[in-house]
Amino acid sequence: MKFQTIGLLYLIAVNLIGLLLMGIDKHRARRHKWRIPESTLFLAALLGGSLGTWSGMYLFHHKTKHWYFVLGMPLILAVQLVLGYVFLFR
């Protein structure tokens, strides 16, 4: 497989994981069960899943009142987009 294909598959997987983590955590929050740590949600974003995690915030209406998520997720995504641009087009 080409490097680009592997990279694309990785990004799809990690973003799906980020989206699912937000959905699972919201589901658990509603049922007052054990929650996914916020550090795990941020780790998923930092590992390349920022778009999925950010999308999950608004799809599931989860963590949207926490300023560090509202500012942090799009900031992580912006940094990742800039880094992706630099690595791919420079």
PDB file of N, CA and C in Angstrom:
ATOM      1  N   MET A   1       0.831  -1.186   0.000  1.00  0.00           N
ATOM      2  CA  MET A   1       0.000   0.000   0.000  1.00  0.00           C
ATOM      3  C   MET A   1       0.868   1.239   0.000  1.00  0.00           C
ATOM      4  N   LYS A   2       0.369   2.265  -0.639  1.00  0.00           N
ATOM      5  CA  LYS A   2       1.093   3.527  -0.653  1.00  0.00           C
ATOM      6  C   LYS A   2       0.955   4.235   0.696  1.00  0.00           C
ATOM      7  N   PHE A   3       1.921   5.088   0.965  1.00  0.00           N
ATOM      8  CA  PHE A   3       1.927   5.864   2.201  1.00  0.00           C
ATOM      9  C   PHE A   3       0.657   6.706   2.324  1.00  0.00           C
ATOM     10  N   GLN A   4       0.219   7.310   1.212  1.00  0.00           N
ATOM     11  CA  GLN A   4      -0.973   8.153   1.235  1.00  0.00           C
ATOM     12  C   GLN A   4      -2.216   7.339   1.588  1.00  0.00           C
ATOM     13  N   THR A   5      -2.305   6.131   1.064  1.00  0.00           N
ATOM     14  CA  THR A   5      -3.465   5.278   1.342  1.00  0.00           C
ATOM     15  C   THR A   5      -3.497   4.886   2.813  1.00  0.00           C
ATOM     16  N   ILE A   6      -2.356   4.514   3.341  1.00  0.00           N
ATOM     17  CA  ILE A   6      -2.269   4.140   4.753  1.00  0.00           C
ATOM     18  C   ILE A   6      -2.620   5.348   5.630  1.00  0.00           C
ATOM     19  N   GLY A   7      -2.092   6.507   5.270  1.00  0.00           N
ATOM     20  CA  GLY A   7      -2.392   7.729   6.021  1.00  0.00           C
ATOM     21  C   GLY A   7      -3.871   8.076   5.991  1.00  0.00           C
ATOM     22  N   LEU A   8      -4.482   7.943   4.838  1.00  0.00           N
ATOM     23  CA  LEU A   8      -5.910   8.237   4.717  1.00  0.00           C
ATOM     24  C   LEU A   8      -6.742   7.256   5.539  1.00  0.00           C
ATOM     25  N   LEU A   9      -6.402   5.978   5.470  1.00  0.00           N
ATOM     26  CA  LEU A   9      -7.121   4.979   6.262  1.00  0.00           C
ATOM     27  C   LEU A   9      -6.954   5.234   7.761  1.00  0.00           C
ATOM     28  N   TYR A  10      -5.759   5.632   8.159  1.00  0.00           N
ATOM     29  CA  TYR A  10      -5.512   5.965   9.565  1.00  0.00           C
ATOM     30  C   TYR A  10      -6.390   7.134  10.001  1.00  0.00           C
ATOM     31  N   LEU A  11      -6.427   8.190   9.185  1.00  0.00           N
ATOM     32  CA  LEU A  11      -7.225   9.364   9.542  1.00  0.00           C
ATOM     33  C   LEU A  11      -8.713   9.049   9.611  1.00  0.00           C
ATOM     34  N   ILE A  12      -9.191   8.234   8.698  1.00  0.00           N
ATOM     35  CA  ILE A  12     -10.598   7.835   8.734  1.00  0.00           C
ATOM     36  C   ILE A  12     -10.880   7.064  10.031  1.00  0.00           C
ATOM     37  N   ALA A  13     -10.007   6.116  10.356  1.00  0.00           N
ATOM     38  CA  ALA A  13     -10.200   5.298  11.557  1.00  0.00           C
ATOM     39  C   ALA A  13     -10.150   6.130  12.830  1.00  0.00           C
ATOM     40  N   VAL A  14      -9.160   6.987  12.966  1.00  0.00           N
ATOM     41  CA  VAL A  14      -8.998   7.753  14.205  1.00  0.00           C
ATOM     42  C   VAL A  14     -10.125   8.785  14.351  1.00  0.00           C
ATOM     43  N   ASN A  15     -10.623   9.303  13.248  1.00  0.00           N
ATOM     44  CA  ASN A  15     -11.750  10.235  13.335  1.00  0.00           C
ATOM     45  C   ASN A  15     -13.044   9.515  13.686  1.00  0.00           C
ATOM     46  N   LEU A  16     -13.236   8.320  13.174  1.00  0.00           N
ATOM     47  CA  LEU A  16     -14.399   7.523  13.573  1.00  0.00           C
ATOM     48  C   LEU A  16     -14.326   7.170  15.056  1.00  0.00           C
ATOM     49  N   ILE A  17     -13.135   6.844  15.523  1.00  0.00           N
ATOM     50  CA  ILE A  17     -12.946   6.546  16.942  1.00  0.00           C
ATOM     51  C   ILE A  17     -13.288   7.773  17.786  1.00  0.00           C
ATOM     52  N   GLY A  18     -12.804   8.947  17.381  1.00  0.00           N
ATOM     53  CA  GLY A  18     -13.110  10.181  18.114  1.00  0.00           C
ATOM     54  C   GLY A  18     -14.607  10.457  18.156  1.00  0.00           C
ATOM     55  N   LEU A  19     -15.276  10.270  17.027  1.00  0.00           N
ATOM     56  CA  LEU A  19     -16.721  10.466  16.950  1.00  0.00           C
ATOM     57  C   LEU A  19     -17.441   9.479  17.870  1.00  0.00           C
ATOM     58  N   LEU A  20     -17.038   8.220  17.804  1.00  0.00           N
ATOM     59  CA  LEU A  20     -17.653   7.194  18.648  1.00  0.00           C
ATOM     60  C   LEU A  20     -17.401   7.442  20.136  1.00  0.00           C
ATOM     61  N   LEU A  21     -16.206   7.877  20.476  1.00  0.00           N
ATOM     62  CA  LEU A  21     -15.911   8.165  21.878  1.00  0.00           C
ATOM     63  C   LEU A  21     -16.838   9.240  22.429  1.00  0.00           C
ATOM     64  N   MET A  22     -17.094  10.268  21.643  1.00  0.00           N
ATOM     65  CA  MET A  22     -18.003  11.328  22.089  1.00  0.00           C
ATOM     66  C   MET A  22     -19.416  10.792  22.247  1.00  0.00           C
ATOM     67  N   GLY A  23     -19.856   9.963  21.315  1.00  0.00           N
ATOM     68  CA  GLY A  23     -21.192   9.381  21.400  1.00  0.00           C
ATOM     69  C   GLY A  23     -21.338   8.451  22.583  1.00  0.00           C
ATOM     70  N   ILE A  24     -20.337   7.627  22.805  1.00  0.00           N
ATOM     71  CA  ILE A  24     -20.368   6.694  23.934  1.00  0.00           C
ATOM     72  C   ILE A  24     -20.355   7.455  25.254  1.00  0.00           C
ATOM     73  N   ASP A  25     -19.517   8.486  25.342  1.00  0.00           N
ATOM     74  CA  ASP A  25     -19.435   9.250  26.586  1.00  0.00           C
ATOM     75  C   ASP A  25     -20.757   9.967  26.862  1.00  0.00           C
ATOM     76  N   LYS A  26     -21.391  10.502  25.838  1.00  0.00           N
ATOM     77  CA  LYS A  26     -22.689  11.153  26.024  1.00  0.00           C
ATOM     78  C   LYS A  26     -23.727  10.134  26.495  1.00  0.00           C
ATOM     79  N   HIS A  27     -23.723   8.972  25.894  1.00  0.00           N
ATOM     80  CA  HIS A  27     -24.651   7.913  26.281  1.00  0.00           C
ATOM     81  C   HIS A  27     -24.441   7.527  27.754  1.00  0.00           C
ATOM     82  N   ARG A  28     -23.201   7.403  28.148  1.00  0.00           N
ATOM     83  CA  ARG A  28     -22.890   7.045  29.533  1.00  0.00           C
ATOM     84  C   ARG A  28     -23.268   8.170  30.490  1.00  0.00           C
ATOM     85  N   ALA A  29     -23.072   9.409  30.050  1.00  0.00           N
ATOM     86  CA  ALA A  29     -23.412  10.551  30.905  1.00  0.00           C
ATOM     87  C   ALA A  29     -24.910  10.575  31.193  1.00  0.00           C
ATOM     88  N   ARG A  30     -25.708  10.302  30.197  1.00  0.00           N
ATOM     89  CA  ARG A  30     -27.162  10.298  30.384  1.00  0.00           C
ATOM     90  C   ARG A  30     -27.609   9.216  31.356  1.00  0.00           C
ATOM     91  N   ARG A  31     -26.869   8.129  31.415  1.00  0.00           N
ATOM     92  CA  ARG A  31     -27.241   7.007  32.276  1.00  0.00           C
ATOM     93  C   ARG A  31     -26.456   6.974  33.586  1.00  0.00           C
ATOM     94  N   HIS A  32     -25.723   8.047  33.850  1.00  0.00           N
ATOM     95  CA  HIS A  32     -24.944   8.186  35.090  1.00  0.00           C
ATOM     96  C   HIS A  32     -24.019   6.990  35.303  1.00  0.00           C
ATOM     97  N   LYS A  33     -23.353   6.578  34.243  1.00  0.00           N
ATOM     98  CA  LYS A  33     -22.405   5.467  34.311  1.00  0.00           C
ATOM     99  C   LYS A  33     -20.976   6.004  34.226  1.00  0.00           C
ATOM    100  N   TRP A  34     -20.017   5.069  34.313  1.00  0.00           N
ATOM    101  CA  TRP A  34     -18.604   5.408  34.213  1.00  0.00           C
ATOM    102  C   TRP A  34     -18.351   6.148  32.907  1.00  0.00           C
ATOM    103  N   ARG A  35     -17.586   7.229  32.970  1.00  0.00           N
ATOM    104  CA  ARG A  35     -17.362   8.105  31.830  1.00  0.00           C
ATOM    105  C   ARG A  35     -15.973   7.919  31.244  1.00  0.00           C
ATOM    106  N   ILE A  36     -15.855   8.291  29.989  1.00  0.00           N
ATOM    107  CA  ILE A  36     -14.556   8.310  29.316  1.00  0.00           C
ATOM    108  C   ILE A  36     -13.825   9.566  29.790  1.00  0.00           C
ATOM    109  N   PRO A  37     -12.588   9.449  30.256  1.00  0.00           N
ATOM    110  CA  PRO A  37     -11.858  10.628  30.727  1.00  0.00           C
ATOM    111  C   PRO A  37     -11.694  11.675  29.620  1.00  0.00           C
ATOM    112  N   GLU A  38     -11.761  12.934  30.013  1.00  0.00           N
ATOM    113  CA  GLU A  38     -11.577  14.019  29.045  1.00  0.00           C
ATOM    114  C   GLU A  38     -10.210  13.939  28.387  1.00  0.00           C
ATOM    115  N   SER A  39      -9.224  13.474  29.124  1.00  0.00           N
ATOM    116  CA  SER A  39      -7.886  13.343  28.545  1.00  0.00           C
ATOM    117  C   SER A  39      -7.886  12.346  27.387  1.00  0.00           C
ATOM    118  N   THR A  40      -8.711  11.317  27.459  1.00  0.00           N
ATOM    119  CA  THR A  40      -8.818  10.334  26.379  1.00  0.00           C
ATOM    120  C   THR A  40      -9.460  10.966  25.152  1.00  0.00           C
ATOM    121  N   LEU A  41     -10.458  11.813  25.371  1.00  0.00           N
ATOM    122  CA  LEU A  41     -11.106  12.503  24.249  1.00  0.00           C
ATOM    123  C   LEU A  41     -10.112  13.436  23.552  1.00  0.00           C
ATOM    124  N   PHE A  42      -9.324  14.151  24.342  1.00  0.00           N
ATOM    125  CA  PHE A  42      -8.310  15.027  23.756  1.00  0.00           C
ATOM    126  C   PHE A  42      -7.198  14.227  23.085  1.00  0.00           C
ATOM    127  N   LEU A  43      -6.846  13.077  23.651  1.00  0.00           N
ATOM    128  CA  LEU A  43      -5.816  12.239  23.038  1.00  0.00           C
ATOM    129  C   LEU A  43      -6.260  11.770  21.654  1.00  0.00           C
ATOM    130  N   ALA A  44      -7.513  11.366  21.541  1.00  0.00           N
ATOM    131  CA  ALA A  44      -8.041  10.955  20.232  1.00  0.00           C
ATOM    132  C   ALA A  44      -7.932  12.100  19.233  1.00  0.00           C
ATOM    133  N   ALA A  45      -8.220  13.308  19.688  1.00  0.00           N
ATOM    134  CA  ALA A  45      -8.114  14.480  18.811  1.00  0.00           C
ATOM    135  C   ALA A  45      -6.653  14.734  18.428  1.00  0.00           C
ATOM    136  N   LEU A  46      -5.772  14.672  19.392  1.00  0.00           N
ATOM    137  CA  LEU A  46      -4.355  14.940  19.132  1.00  0.00           C
ATOM    138  C   LEU A  46      -3.718  13.897  18.223  1.00  0.00           C
ATOM    139  N   LEU A  47      -4.243  12.679  18.247  1.00  0.00           N
ATOM    140  CA  LEU A  47      -3.701  11.618  17.393  1.00  0.00           C
ATOM    141  C   LEU A  47      -4.230  11.699  15.961  1.00  0.00           C
ATOM    142  N   GLY A  48      -4.971  12.750  15.660  1.00  0.00           N
ATOM    143  CA  GLY A  48      -5.458  12.957  14.296  1.00  0.00           C
ATOM    144  C   GLY A  48      -6.967  12.900  14.170  1.00  0.00           C
ATOM    145  N   GLY A  49      -7.668  12.662  15.268  1.00  0.00           N
ATOM    146  CA  GLY A  49      -9.115  12.537  15.219  1.00  0.00           C
ATOM    147  C   GLY A  49      -9.864  13.790  15.618  1.00  0.00           C
ATOM    148  N   SER A  50      -9.263  14.943  15.422  1.00  0.00           N
ATOM    149  CA  SER A  50      -9.892  16.184  15.866  1.00  0.00           C
ATOM    150  C   SER A  50     -11.187  16.490  15.124  1.00  0.00           C
ATOM    151  N   LEU A  51     -11.254  16.193  13.845  1.00  0.00           N
ATOM    152  CA  LEU A  51     -12.476  16.462  13.091  1.00  0.00           C
ATOM    153  C   LEU A  51     -13.623  15.574  13.593  1.00  0.00           C
ATOM    154  N   GLY A  52     -13.353  14.306  13.827  1.00  0.00           N
ATOM    155  CA  GLY A  52     -14.371  13.401  14.338  1.00  0.00           C
ATOM    156  C   GLY A  52     -14.814  13.757  15.746  1.00  0.00           C
ATOM    157  N   THR A  53     -13.863  14.107  16.591  1.00  0.00           N
ATOM    158  CA  THR A  53     -14.181  14.467  17.964  1.00  0.00           C
ATOM    159  C   THR A  53     -14.974  15.767  18.009  1.00  0.00           C
ATOM    160  N   TRP A  54     -14.564  16.737  17.208  1.00  0.00           N
ATOM    161  CA  TRP A  54     -15.262  18.028  17.149  1.00  0.00           C
ATOM    162  C   TRP A  54     -16.667  17.842  16.581  1.00  0.00           C
ATOM    163  N   SER A  55     -16.782  17.023  15.553  1.00  0.00           N
ATOM    164  CA  SER A  55     -18.099  16.727  14.981  1.00  0.00           C
ATOM    165  C   SER A  55     -18.986  16.045  16.011  1.00  0.00           C
ATOM    166  N   GLY A  56     -18.419  15.116  16.767  1.00  0.00           N
ATOM    167  CA  GLY A  56     -19.167  14.412  17.805  1.00  0.00           C
ATOM    168  C   GLY A  56     -19.673  15.339  18.894  1.00  0.00           C
ATOM    169  N   MET A  57     -18.911  16.382  19.186  1.00  0.00           N
ATOM    170  CA  MET A  57     -19.352  17.355  20.177  1.00  0.00           C
ATOM    171  C   MET A  57     -20.702  17.937  19.793  1.00  0.00           C
ATOM    172  N   TYR A  58     -20.845  18.310  18.550  1.00  0.00           N
ATOM    173  CA  TYR A  58     -22.059  18.989  18.116  1.00  0.00           C
ATOM    174  C   TYR A  58     -23.139  18.014  17.659  1.00  0.00           C
ATOM    175  N   LEU A  59     -22.752  16.870  17.135  1.00  0.00           N
ATOM    176  CA  LEU A  59     -23.735  15.860  16.746  1.00  0.00           C
ATOM    177  C   LEU A  59     -24.469  15.325  17.977  1.00  0.00           C
ATOM    178  N   PHE A  60     -23.722  15.087  19.056  1.00  0.00           N
ATOM    179  CA  PHE A  60     -24.298  14.536  20.276  1.00  0.00           C
ATOM    180  C   PHE A  60     -24.567  15.605  21.337  1.00  0.00           C
ATOM    181  N   HIS A  61     -24.288  16.874  21.029  1.00  0.00           N
ATOM    182  CA  HIS A  61     -24.451  17.979  21.983  1.00  0.00           C
ATOM    183  C   HIS A  61     -23.737  17.649  23.288  1.00  0.00           C
ATOM    184  N   HIS A  62     -22.465  17.330  23.155  1.00  0.00           N
ATOM    185  CA  HIS A  62     -21.681  16.857  24.290  1.00  0.00           C
ATOM    186  C   HIS A  62     -20.418  17.697  24.456  1.00  0.00           C
ATOM    187  N   LYS A  63     -20.191  18.156  25.646  1.00  0.00           N
ATOM    188  CA  LYS A  63     -19.014  18.956  26.019  1.00  0.00           C
ATOM    189  C   LYS A  63     -19.028  20.339  25.374  1.00  0.00           C
ATOM    190  N   THR A  64     -20.174  20.775  24.873  1.00  0.00           N
ATOM    191  CA  THR A  64     -20.248  22.070  24.188  1.00  0.00           C
ATOM    192  C   THR A  64     -20.309  23.246  25.162  1.00  0.00           C
ATOM    193  N   LYS A  65     -20.428  22.983  26.440  1.00  0.00           N
ATOM    194  CA  LYS A  65     -20.428  24.058  27.439  1.00  0.00           C
ATOM    195  C   LYS A  65     -19.083  24.201  28.126  1.00  0.00           C
ATOM    196  N   HIS A  66     -18.155  23.327  27.777  1.00  0.00           N
ATOM    197  CA  HIS A  66     -16.807  23.386  28.351  1.00  0.00           C
ATOM    198  C   HIS A  66     -15.917  24.198  27.406  1.00  0.00           C
ATOM    199  N   TRP A  67     -15.434  25.345  27.880  1.00  0.00           N
ATOM    200  CA  TRP A  67     -14.671  26.235  27.015  1.00  0.00           C
ATOM    201  C   TRP A  67     -13.438  25.562  26.441  1.00  0.00           C
ATOM    202  N   TYR A  68     -12.820  24.695  27.211  1.00  0.00           N
ATOM    203  CA  TYR A  68     -11.592  24.059  26.733  1.00  0.00           C
ATOM    204  C   TYR A  68     -11.868  23.068  25.605  1.00  0.00           C
ATOM    205  N   PHE A  69     -13.075  22.557  25.495  1.00  0.00           N
ATOM    206  CA  PHE A  69     -13.440  21.737  24.340  1.00  0.00           C
ATOM    207  C   PHE A  69     -13.847  22.630  23.173  1.00  0.00           C
ATOM    208  N   VAL A  70     -14.650  23.645  23.458  1.00  0.00           N
ATOM    209  CA  VAL A  70     -15.134  24.540  22.399  1.00  0.00           C
ATOM    210  C   VAL A  70     -13.977  25.241  21.705  1.00  0.00           C
ATOM    211  N   LEU A  71     -12.941  25.618  22.440  1.00  0.00           N
ATOM    212  CA  LEU A  71     -11.772  26.271  21.849  1.00  0.00           C
ATOM    213  C   LEU A  71     -10.692  25.263  21.458  1.00  0.00           C
ATOM    214  N   GLY A  72     -10.528  24.238  22.272  1.00  0.00           N
ATOM    215  CA  GLY A  72      -9.430  23.292  22.069  1.00  0.00           C
ATOM    216  C   GLY A  72      -9.576  22.433  20.824  1.00  0.00           C
ATOM    217  N   MET A  73     -10.756  21.886  20.584  1.00  0.00           N
ATOM    218  CA  MET A  73     -10.933  20.990  19.431  1.00  0.00           C
ATOM    219  C   MET A  73     -10.712  21.689  18.093  1.00  0.00           C
ATOM    220  N   PRO A  74     -11.313  22.860  17.866  1.00  0.00           N
ATOM    221  CA  PRO A  74     -11.028  23.522  16.587  1.00  0.00           C
ATOM    222  C   PRO A  74      -9.575  24.001  16.479  1.00  0.00           C
ATOM    223  N   LEU A  75      -8.970  24.334  17.613  1.00  0.00           N
ATOM    224  CA  LEU A  75      -7.562  24.740  17.594  1.00  0.00           C
ATOM    225  C   LEU A  75      -6.669  23.563  17.198  1.00  0.00           C
ATOM    226  N   ILE A  76      -6.942  22.404  17.762  1.00  0.00           N
ATOM    227  CA  ILE A  76      -6.184  21.210  17.396  1.00  0.00           C
ATOM    228  C   ILE A  76      -6.375  20.898  15.914  1.00  0.00           C
ATOM    229  N   LEU A  77      -7.610  20.996  15.433  1.00  0.00           N
ATOM    230  CA  LEU A  77      -7.895  20.751  14.016  1.00  0.00           C
ATOM    231  C   LEU A  77      -7.137  21.741  13.132  1.00  0.00           C
ATOM    232  N   ALA A  78      -7.142  23.014  13.504  1.00  0.00           N
ATOM    233  CA  ALA A  78      -6.440  24.028  12.708  1.00  0.00           C
ATOM    234  C   ALA A  78      -4.942  23.732  12.635  1.00  0.00           C
ATOM    235  N   VAL A  79      -4.349  23.379  13.762  1.00  0.00           N
ATOM    236  CA  VAL A  79      -2.915  23.045  13.786  1.00  0.00           C
ATOM    237  C   VAL A  79      -2.653  21.830  12.904  1.00  0.00           C
ATOM    238  N   GLN A  80      -3.519  20.829  12.987  1.00  0.00           N
ATOM    239  CA  GLN A  80      -3.330  19.629  12.178  1.00  0.00           C
ATOM    240  C   GLN A  80      -3.482  19.929  10.687  1.00  0.00           C
ATOM    241  N   LEU A  81      -4.401  20.809  10.330  1.00  0.00           N
ATOM    242  CA  LEU A  81      -4.557  21.179   8.923  1.00  0.00           C
ATOM    243  C   LEU A  81      -3.331  21.920   8.401  1.00  0.00           C
ATOM    244  N   VAL A  82      -2.797  22.817   9.208  1.00  0.00           N
ATOM    245  CA  VAL A  82      -1.584  23.542   8.807  1.00  0.00           C
ATOM    246  C   VAL A  82      -0.414  22.573   8.660  1.00  0.00           C
ATOM    247  N   LEU A  83      -0.253  21.682   9.623  1.00  0.00           N
ATOM    248  CA  LEU A  83       0.833  20.702   9.540  1.00  0.00           C
ATOM    249  C   LEU A  83       0.656  19.783   8.335  1.00  0.00           C
ATOM    250  N   GLY A  84      -0.579  19.365   8.072  1.00  0.00           N
ATOM    251  CA  GLY A  84      -0.843  18.537   6.896  1.00  0.00           C
ATOM    252  C   GLY A  84      -0.495  19.251   5.605  1.00  0.00           C
ATOM    253  N   TYR A  85      -0.845  20.541   5.544  1.00  0.00           N
ATOM    254  CA  TYR A  85      -0.516  21.331   4.368  1.00  0.00           C
ATOM    255  C   TYR A  85       1.005  21.431   4.193  1.00  0.00           C
ATOM    256  N   VAL A  86       1.692  21.719   5.269  1.00  0.00           N
ATOM    257  CA  VAL A  86       3.149  21.859   5.217  1.00  0.00           C
ATOM    258  C   VAL A  86       3.805  20.559   4.756  1.00  0.00           C
ATOM    259  N   PHE A  87       3.373  19.432   5.307  1.00  0.00           N
ATOM    260  CA  PHE A  87       3.976  18.148   4.938  1.00  0.00           C
ATOM    261  C   PHE A  87       3.619  17.704   3.522  1.00  0.00           C
ATOM    262  N   LEU A  88       2.428  18.039   3.070  1.00  0.00           N
ATOM    263  CA  LEU A  88       1.999  17.564   1.753  1.00  0.00           C
ATOM    264  C   LEU A  88       2.388  18.477   0.596  1.00  0.00           C
ATOM    265  N   PHE A  89       2.420  19.781   0.839  1.00  0.00           N
ATOM    266  CA  PHE A  89       2.591  20.714  -0.272  1.00  0.00           C
ATOM    267  C   PHE A  89       3.854  21.569  -0.187  1.00  0.00           C
ATOM    268  N   ARG A  90       4.725  21.302   0.708  1.00  0.00           N
ATOM    269  CA  ARG A  90       5.970  22.087   0.789  1.00  0.00           C
ATOM    270  C   ARG A  90       7.160  21.210   0.552  1.00  0.00           C
TER     271      ARG A  90
END
